[in-house]
Amino acid sequence: MSSDKVDPAIIEDLRHLAICAKMTESDLALFAALGQAVDAEAGAVLMDQGDVGVECFFVISGEAGIFSGPDHVATIGAGSIVGEMALVGHRPRNASVVAQGPMHLLAFDIAHFRKLLDEMPQARDHVMGLLQARAPKNQPGDDH
């Protein structure tokens, strides 16, 4: 996939995020091409706790609140990925995610997310690191 099929503004936005800082131009283009650009307004529900995961989101800009039941447990921002646990673990969503203000995101459905992990070792390593870090917080019996 070449960068001429992807909005150059998305590639430029990605270039400034830590996960993408060391990516080559062709990797940035592939990353952007595999995702679907999505804009969300304040209050938009990106995912509901308990739902089956069919996509994950990479935050290009903006912030979202993470909610376990009614409790706000975290806020994520640019460079964060959310929803990947349900895709990798084939489990229902652990939390709800709600846009706190306007957001610009890349959405990855299951097929494109798998392709991203298969073809981009840097992205795969980043996601697997996140999963390892988050696993203890998402065990049954955890308060969050």
N, C-alpha and C. Protein backbone atom coordinates (compact mmCIF):
# COMPACT_ATOMS: atom_id res chain seq x y z
N MET A 1 0.85 -1.18 0.00
CA MET A 1 0.00 0.00 0.00
C MET A 1 0.89 1.23 0.00
N SER A 2 0.59 2.16 -0.79
CA SER A 2 1.42 3.35 -0.87
C SER A 2 0.76 4.51 -0.16
N SER A 3 1.60 5.48 0.24
CA SER A 3 1.09 6.60 1.01
C SER A 3 0.16 7.49 0.20
N ASP A 4 0.14 7.37 -1.16
CA ASP A 4 -0.76 8.20 -1.95
C ASP A 4 -2.21 7.76 -1.82
N LYS A 5 -2.46 6.60 -1.22
CA LYS A 5 -3.83 6.14 -1.00
C LYS A 5 -4.33 6.53 0.39
N VAL A 6 -3.48 7.19 1.15
CA VAL A 6 -3.79 7.56 2.52
C VAL A 6 -3.71 9.07 2.66
N ASP A 7 -4.59 9.63 3.46
CA ASP A 7 -4.57 11.06 3.71
C ASP A 7 -3.21 11.45 4.31
N PRO A 8 -2.46 12.29 3.62
CA PRO A 8 -1.13 12.68 4.13
C PRO A 8 -1.19 13.33 5.52
N ALA A 9 -2.30 13.96 5.84
CA ALA A 9 -2.44 14.59 7.16
C ALA A 9 -2.43 13.54 8.27
N ILE A 10 -3.01 12.38 8.00
CA ILE A 10 -3.00 11.30 9.00
C ILE A 10 -1.58 10.82 9.21
N ILE A 11 -0.84 10.62 8.14
CA ILE A 11 0.55 10.18 8.26
C ILE A 11 1.35 11.22 9.06
N GLU A 12 1.13 12.49 8.78
CA GLU A 12 1.84 13.54 9.51
C GLU A 12 1.48 13.52 10.99
N ASP A 13 0.19 13.34 11.31
CA ASP A 13 -0.23 13.25 12.71
C ASP A 13 0.40 12.05 13.41
N LEU A 14 0.44 10.91 12.72
CA LEU A 14 1.03 9.70 13.30
C LEU A 14 2.51 9.88 13.59
N ARG A 15 3.19 10.56 12.71
CA ARG A 15 4.64 10.75 12.83
C ARG A 15 5.04 11.35 14.18
N HIS A 16 4.15 12.12 14.81
CA HIS A 16 4.45 12.81 16.06
C HIS A 16 4.12 11.99 17.31
N LEU A 17 3.61 10.78 17.13
CA LEU A 17 3.24 9.95 18.27
C LEU A 17 4.36 8.94 18.58
N ALA A 18 4.57 8.67 19.86
CA ALA A 18 5.69 7.83 20.30
C ALA A 18 5.72 6.47 19.60
N ILE A 19 4.58 5.80 19.48
CA ILE A 19 4.55 4.47 18.86
C ILE A 19 5.04 4.52 17.41
N CYS A 20 4.87 5.65 16.76
CA CYS A 20 5.20 5.77 15.34
C CYS A 20 6.53 6.47 15.08
N ALA A 21 7.17 6.96 16.12
CA ALA A 21 8.36 7.81 15.96
C ALA A 21 9.47 7.16 15.15
N LYS A 22 9.64 5.86 15.28
CA LYS A 22 10.75 5.19 14.59
C LYS A 22 10.29 4.43 13.34
N MET A 23 9.04 4.61 12.96
CA MET A 23 8.52 3.92 11.77
C MET A 23 9.06 4.56 10.50
N THR A 24 9.29 3.73 9.51
CA THR A 24 9.67 4.23 8.20
C THR A 24 8.45 4.85 7.53
N GLU A 25 8.68 5.56 6.45
CA GLU A 25 7.57 6.17 5.70
C GLU A 25 6.60 5.10 5.22
N SER A 26 7.13 3.97 4.74
CA SER A 26 6.24 2.90 4.25
C SER A 26 5.47 2.26 5.40
N ASP A 27 6.08 2.14 6.59
CA ASP A 27 5.36 1.61 7.75
C ASP A 27 4.25 2.55 8.18
N LEU A 28 4.54 3.86 8.19
CA LEU A 28 3.50 4.83 8.53
C LEU A 28 2.33 4.75 7.56
N ALA A 29 2.65 4.62 6.27
CA ALA A 29 1.61 4.52 5.26
C ALA A 29 0.77 3.26 5.46
N LEU A 30 1.43 2.13 5.76
CA LEU A 30 0.70 0.88 5.99
C LEU A 30 -0.18 1.01 7.23
N PHE A 31 0.37 1.55 8.31
CA PHE A 31 -0.37 1.73 9.55
C PHE A 31 -1.63 2.55 9.29
N ALA A 32 -1.47 3.66 8.58
CA ALA A 32 -2.60 4.54 8.27
C ALA A 32 -3.60 3.87 7.33
N ALA A 33 -3.08 3.11 6.36
CA ALA A 33 -3.96 2.47 5.37
C ALA A 33 -4.78 1.34 5.98
N LEU A 34 -4.24 0.66 6.98
CA LEU A 34 -4.97 -0.45 7.60
C LEU A 34 -6.11 0.05 8.48
N GLY A 35 -5.96 1.27 9.00
CA GLY A 35 -7.00 1.83 9.86
C GLY A 35 -8.00 2.66 9.07
N GLN A 36 -9.15 2.83 9.65
CA GLN A 36 -10.21 3.67 9.08
C GLN A 36 -10.28 4.94 9.92
N ALA A 37 -10.07 6.10 9.31
CA ALA A 37 -10.14 7.36 10.04
C ALA A 37 -11.56 7.57 10.58
N VAL A 38 -11.63 7.94 11.86
CA VAL A 38 -12.91 8.16 12.53
C VAL A 38 -12.80 9.43 13.37
N ASP A 39 -13.81 10.26 13.30
CA ASP A 39 -13.90 11.43 14.19
C ASP A 39 -15.03 11.17 15.16
N ALA A 40 -14.78 11.49 16.43
CA ALA A 40 -15.80 11.32 17.47
C ALA A 40 -15.98 12.64 18.20
N GLU A 41 -17.20 12.95 18.53
CA GLU A 41 -17.52 14.16 19.29
C GLU A 41 -17.60 13.83 20.78
N ALA A 42 -17.55 14.85 21.59
CA ALA A 42 -17.67 14.67 23.04
C ALA A 42 -18.93 13.86 23.36
N GLY A 43 -18.77 12.89 24.22
CA GLY A 43 -19.90 12.05 24.63
C GLY A 43 -20.12 10.82 23.78
N ALA A 44 -19.42 10.71 22.66
CA ALA A 44 -19.58 9.53 21.80
C ALA A 44 -19.06 8.29 22.53
N VAL A 45 -19.84 7.23 22.51
CA VAL A 45 -19.45 5.97 23.13
C VAL A 45 -18.68 5.16 22.09
N LEU A 46 -17.39 4.97 22.33
CA LEU A 46 -16.56 4.20 21.40
C LEU A 46 -16.75 2.71 21.59
N MET A 47 -17.00 2.31 22.84
CA MET A 47 -17.28 0.90 23.13
C MET A 47 -17.99 0.79 24.47
N ASP A 48 -18.84 -0.24 24.57
CA ASP A 48 -19.60 -0.49 25.79
C ASP A 48 -19.07 -1.72 26.51
N GLN A 49 -18.91 -1.60 27.81
CA GLN A 49 -18.48 -2.71 28.64
C GLN A 49 -19.42 -3.89 28.42
N GLY A 50 -18.83 -5.09 28.22
CA GLY A 50 -19.60 -6.30 28.04
C GLY A 50 -19.89 -6.66 26.60
N ASP A 51 -19.77 -5.69 25.69
CA ASP A 51 -20.01 -5.98 24.27
C ASP A 51 -18.87 -6.84 23.70
N VAL A 52 -19.19 -7.56 22.66
CA VAL A 52 -18.17 -8.33 21.94
C VAL A 52 -17.31 -7.34 21.16
N GLY A 53 -16.00 -7.52 21.23
CA GLY A 53 -15.09 -6.61 20.54
C GLY A 53 -14.95 -6.95 19.07
N VAL A 54 -15.24 -5.99 18.21
CA VAL A 54 -15.09 -6.19 16.76
C VAL A 54 -14.10 -5.19 16.15
N GLU A 55 -13.65 -4.21 16.96
CA GLU A 55 -12.67 -3.26 16.48
C GLU A 55 -11.94 -2.66 17.67
N CYS A 56 -10.78 -2.08 17.37
CA CYS A 56 -10.06 -1.32 18.38
C CYS A 56 -9.75 0.05 17.78
N PHE A 57 -9.35 0.97 18.64
CA PHE A 57 -9.10 2.34 18.21
C PHE A 57 -7.72 2.79 18.64
N PHE A 58 -7.05 3.48 17.74
CA PHE A 58 -5.78 4.13 18.03
C PHE A 58 -6.08 5.62 18.07
N VAL A 59 -5.74 6.27 19.19
CA VAL A 59 -6.07 7.68 19.37
C VAL A 59 -4.99 8.55 18.72
N ILE A 60 -5.40 9.33 17.73
CA ILE A 60 -4.50 10.29 17.09
C ILE A 60 -4.53 11.60 17.87
N SER A 61 -5.72 12.05 18.25
CA SER A 61 -5.83 13.26 19.07
C SER A 61 -7.11 13.19 19.88
N GLY A 62 -7.12 13.93 20.99
CA GLY A 62 -8.28 13.97 21.87
C GLY A 62 -8.10 13.03 23.05
N GLU A 63 -9.12 13.02 23.91
CA GLU A 63 -9.08 12.19 25.11
C GLU A 63 -10.40 11.45 25.26
N ALA A 64 -10.29 10.27 25.90
CA ALA A 64 -11.47 9.47 26.20
C ALA A 64 -11.38 8.97 27.63
N GLY A 65 -12.54 8.85 28.26
CA GLY A 65 -12.61 8.29 29.60
C GLY A 65 -12.87 6.80 29.52
N ILE A 66 -12.23 6.07 30.43
CA ILE A 66 -12.44 4.62 30.55
C ILE A 66 -13.30 4.42 31.80
N PHE A 67 -14.40 3.69 31.62
CA PHE A 67 -15.35 3.49 32.72
C PHE A 67 -15.59 2.01 32.96
N SER A 68 -15.49 1.62 34.23
CA SER A 68 -15.86 0.28 34.65
C SER A 68 -17.16 0.45 35.42
N GLY A 69 -18.27 0.02 34.80
CA GLY A 69 -19.57 0.36 35.36
C GLY A 69 -19.70 1.87 35.34
N PRO A 70 -20.14 2.47 36.46
CA PRO A 70 -20.27 3.94 36.48
C PRO A 70 -18.97 4.66 36.87
N ASP A 71 -17.94 3.89 37.24
CA ASP A 71 -16.71 4.50 37.76
C ASP A 71 -15.72 4.86 36.66
N HIS A 72 -15.27 6.11 36.68
CA HIS A 72 -14.21 6.56 35.78
C HIS A 72 -12.89 6.03 36.34
N VAL A 73 -12.20 5.19 35.56
CA VAL A 73 -10.97 4.55 36.06
C VAL A 73 -9.71 5.06 35.39
N ALA A 74 -9.84 5.71 34.24
CA ALA A 74 -8.64 6.21 33.54
C ALA A 74 -9.07 7.15 32.43
N THR A 75 -8.09 7.90 31.96
CA THR A 75 -8.26 8.75 30.78
C THR A 75 -7.13 8.42 29.82
N ILE A 76 -7.46 8.28 28.55
CA ILE A 76 -6.44 8.00 27.54
C ILE A 76 -6.38 9.17 26.57
N GLY A 77 -5.24 9.30 25.90
CA GLY A 77 -5.07 10.38 24.94
C GLY A 77 -4.26 9.94 23.74
N ALA A 78 -3.73 10.92 23.03
CA ALA A 78 -2.99 10.67 21.78
C ALA A 78 -1.91 9.61 21.98
N GLY A 79 -1.87 8.66 21.05
CA GLY A 79 -0.90 7.58 21.09
C GLY A 79 -1.39 6.34 21.79
N SER A 80 -2.56 6.42 22.42
CA SER A 80 -3.12 5.27 23.13
C SER A 80 -3.88 4.37 22.17
N ILE A 81 -3.97 3.11 22.54
CA ILE A 81 -4.81 2.18 21.81
C ILE A 81 -5.80 1.61 22.81
N VAL A 82 -7.02 1.42 22.38
CA VAL A 82 -8.06 0.92 23.28
C VAL A 82 -8.92 -0.09 22.52
N GLY A 83 -9.31 -1.14 23.22
CA GLY A 83 -10.15 -2.17 22.62
C GLY A 83 -9.38 -3.37 22.12
N GLU A 84 -8.06 -3.31 22.19
CA GLU A 84 -7.24 -4.40 21.66
C GLU A 84 -7.37 -5.67 22.49
N MET A 85 -7.63 -5.54 23.79
CA MET A 85 -7.71 -6.73 24.65
C MET A 85 -8.83 -7.65 24.21
N ALA A 86 -9.97 -7.08 23.84
CA ALA A 86 -11.10 -7.89 23.41
C ALA A 86 -10.81 -8.59 22.09
N LEU A 87 -10.02 -7.95 21.22
CA LEU A 87 -9.70 -8.56 19.93
C LEU A 87 -8.70 -9.70 20.09
N VAL A 88 -7.67 -9.46 20.90
CA VAL A 88 -6.64 -10.48 21.07
C VAL A 88 -7.15 -11.63 21.93
N GLY A 89 -7.89 -11.29 22.99
CA GLY A 89 -8.37 -12.32 23.92
C GLY A 89 -9.71 -12.92 23.57
N HIS A 90 -10.36 -12.42 22.52
CA HIS A 90 -11.69 -12.92 22.12
C HIS A 90 -12.64 -12.93 23.31
N ARG A 91 -12.66 -11.79 24.03
CA ARG A 91 -13.50 -11.66 25.21
C ARG A 91 -14.38 -10.42 25.10
N PRO A 92 -15.41 -10.36 25.93
CA PRO A 92 -16.21 -9.13 25.96
C PRO A 92 -15.37 -7.95 26.45
N ARG A 93 -15.82 -6.76 26.15
CA ARG A 93 -15.13 -5.54 26.57
C ARG A 93 -15.06 -5.47 28.09
N ASN A 94 -13.88 -5.09 28.61
CA ASN A 94 -13.68 -4.94 30.05
C ASN A 94 -14.22 -3.62 30.57
N ALA A 95 -14.40 -2.64 29.69
CA ALA A 95 -14.79 -1.31 30.12
C ALA A 95 -15.50 -0.59 28.99
N SER A 96 -16.14 0.49 29.35
CA SER A 96 -16.73 1.39 28.36
C SER A 96 -15.73 2.52 28.10
N VAL A 97 -15.75 3.05 26.88
CA VAL A 97 -14.86 4.15 26.52
C VAL A 97 -15.72 5.24 25.89
N VAL A 98 -15.58 6.46 26.45
CA VAL A 98 -16.41 7.59 26.02
C VAL A 98 -15.51 8.78 25.70
N ALA A 99 -15.71 9.37 24.53
CA ALA A 99 -14.94 10.55 24.14
C ALA A 99 -15.23 11.69 25.11
N GLN A 100 -14.16 12.33 25.61
CA GLN A 100 -14.30 13.45 26.55
C GLN A 100 -14.43 14.77 25.82
N GLY A 101 -14.02 14.77 24.56
CA GLY A 101 -14.08 15.95 23.70
C GLY A 101 -13.92 15.44 22.28
N PRO A 102 -13.74 16.32 21.33
CA PRO A 102 -13.53 15.87 19.95
C PRO A 102 -12.29 14.97 19.86
N MET A 103 -12.41 13.90 19.10
CA MET A 103 -11.30 12.95 18.94
C MET A 103 -11.11 12.61 17.47
N HIS A 104 -9.87 12.34 17.13
CA HIS A 104 -9.53 11.81 15.81
C HIS A 104 -8.86 10.47 16.07
N LEU A 105 -9.38 9.41 15.43
CA LEU A 105 -8.96 8.04 15.72
C LEU A 105 -8.72 7.27 14.42
N LEU A 106 -7.99 6.17 14.56
CA LEU A 106 -7.94 5.16 13.52
C LEU A 106 -8.60 3.92 14.10
N ALA A 107 -9.61 3.41 13.41
CA ALA A 107 -10.31 2.20 13.83
C ALA A 107 -9.75 1.02 13.04
N PHE A 108 -9.50 -0.08 13.75
CA PHE A 108 -9.01 -1.30 13.11
C PHE A 108 -10.00 -2.42 13.39
N ASP A 109 -10.60 -2.99 12.33
CA ASP A 109 -11.44 -4.16 12.54
C ASP A 109 -10.52 -5.35 12.81
N ILE A 110 -11.10 -6.50 13.11
CA ILE A 110 -10.30 -7.66 13.50
C ILE A 110 -9.30 -8.04 12.41
N ALA A 111 -9.74 -8.11 11.17
CA ALA A 111 -8.86 -8.53 10.07
C ALA A 111 -7.68 -7.56 9.89
N HIS A 112 -7.97 -6.26 9.91
CA HIS A 112 -6.90 -5.27 9.73
C HIS A 112 -5.99 -5.20 10.95
N PHE A 113 -6.55 -5.42 12.14
CA PHE A 113 -5.73 -5.44 13.35
C PHE A 113 -4.76 -6.63 13.30
N ARG A 114 -5.25 -7.78 12.89
CA ARG A 114 -4.36 -8.96 12.76
C ARG A 114 -3.27 -8.71 11.72
N LYS A 115 -3.64 -8.08 10.62
CA LYS A 115 -2.66 -7.78 9.58
C LYS A 115 -1.61 -6.81 10.12
N LEU A 116 -2.06 -5.82 10.88
CA LEU A 116 -1.14 -4.87 11.51
C LEU A 116 -0.14 -5.61 12.39
N LEU A 117 -0.63 -6.51 13.23
CA LEU A 117 0.25 -7.26 14.13
C LEU A 117 1.19 -8.18 13.36
N ASP A 118 0.67 -8.81 12.30
CA ASP A 118 1.49 -9.74 11.50
C ASP A 118 2.58 -9.03 10.70
N GLU A 119 2.27 -7.85 10.17
CA GLU A 119 3.18 -7.20 9.24
C GLU A 119 4.04 -6.10 9.85
N MET A 120 3.71 -5.71 11.08
CA MET A 120 4.47 -4.62 11.69
C MET A 120 4.96 -5.03 13.08
N PRO A 121 6.17 -5.59 13.15
CA PRO A 121 6.69 -6.06 14.44
C PRO A 121 6.71 -4.97 15.53
N GLN A 122 6.99 -3.73 15.15
CA GLN A 122 7.03 -2.66 16.14
C GLN A 122 5.65 -2.45 16.76
N ALA A 123 4.61 -2.46 15.95
CA ALA A 123 3.24 -2.31 16.46
C ALA A 123 2.86 -3.53 17.30
N ARG A 124 3.23 -4.73 16.83
CA ARG A 124 2.92 -5.95 17.58
C ARG A 124 3.58 -5.92 18.96
N ASP A 125 4.86 -5.53 19.01
CA ASP A 125 5.57 -5.48 20.28
C ASP A 125 4.93 -4.47 21.22
N HIS A 126 4.51 -3.33 20.68
CA HIS A 126 3.85 -2.31 21.49
C HIS A 126 2.54 -2.83 22.07
N VAL A 127 1.72 -3.46 21.24
CA VAL A 127 0.43 -3.99 21.69
C VAL A 127 0.63 -5.10 22.71
N MET A 128 1.57 -6.00 22.47
CA MET A 128 1.80 -7.09 23.41
C MET A 128 2.31 -6.55 24.75
N GLY A 129 3.12 -5.51 24.72
CA GLY A 129 3.57 -4.86 25.96
C GLY A 129 2.41 -4.27 26.73
N LEU A 130 1.49 -3.63 26.01
CA LEU A 130 0.29 -3.08 26.65
C LEU A 130 -0.55 -4.18 27.28
N LEU A 131 -0.73 -5.26 26.55
CA LEU A 131 -1.54 -6.37 27.07
C LEU A 131 -0.93 -6.93 28.36
N GLN A 132 0.39 -7.09 28.37
CA GLN A 132 1.06 -7.59 29.57
C GLN A 132 0.87 -6.63 30.73
N ALA A 133 1.01 -5.35 30.48
CA ALA A 133 0.88 -4.35 31.54
C ALA A 133 -0.55 -4.27 32.07
N ARG A 134 -1.51 -4.44 31.19
CA ARG A 134 -2.92 -4.30 31.60
C ARG A 134 -3.52 -5.58 32.19
N ALA A 135 -2.93 -6.72 31.89
CA ALA A 135 -3.51 -8.01 32.31
C ALA A 135 -3.79 -8.07 33.81
N PRO A 136 -2.85 -7.70 34.67
CA PRO A 136 -3.13 -7.80 36.11
C PRO A 136 -4.30 -6.94 36.56
N LYS A 137 -4.52 -5.82 35.89
CA LYS A 137 -5.60 -4.89 36.25
C LYS A 137 -6.96 -5.41 35.80
N ASN A 138 -6.98 -6.40 34.92
CA ASN A 138 -8.24 -6.87 34.34
C ASN A 138 -8.57 -8.30 34.73
N GLN A 139 -7.99 -8.76 35.83
CA GLN A 139 -8.29 -10.10 36.32
C GLN A 139 -9.62 -10.10 37.06
N PRO A 140 -10.34 -11.24 37.03
CA PRO A 140 -11.59 -11.32 37.79
C PRO A 140 -11.34 -10.99 39.26
N GLY A 141 -12.25 -10.22 39.83
CA GLY A 141 -12.14 -9.86 41.23
C GLY A 141 -11.43 -8.53 41.44
N ASP A 142 -10.87 -7.98 40.40
CA ASP A 142 -10.23 -6.67 40.49
C ASP A 142 -11.33 -5.62 40.62
N ASP A 143 -11.06 -4.59 41.39
CA ASP A 143 -12.05 -3.54 41.60
C ASP A 143 -12.29 -2.72 40.33
N HIS A 144 -11.38 -2.76 39.37
CA HIS A 144 -11.53 -1.97 38.15
C HIS A 144 -11.68 -2.92 37.01
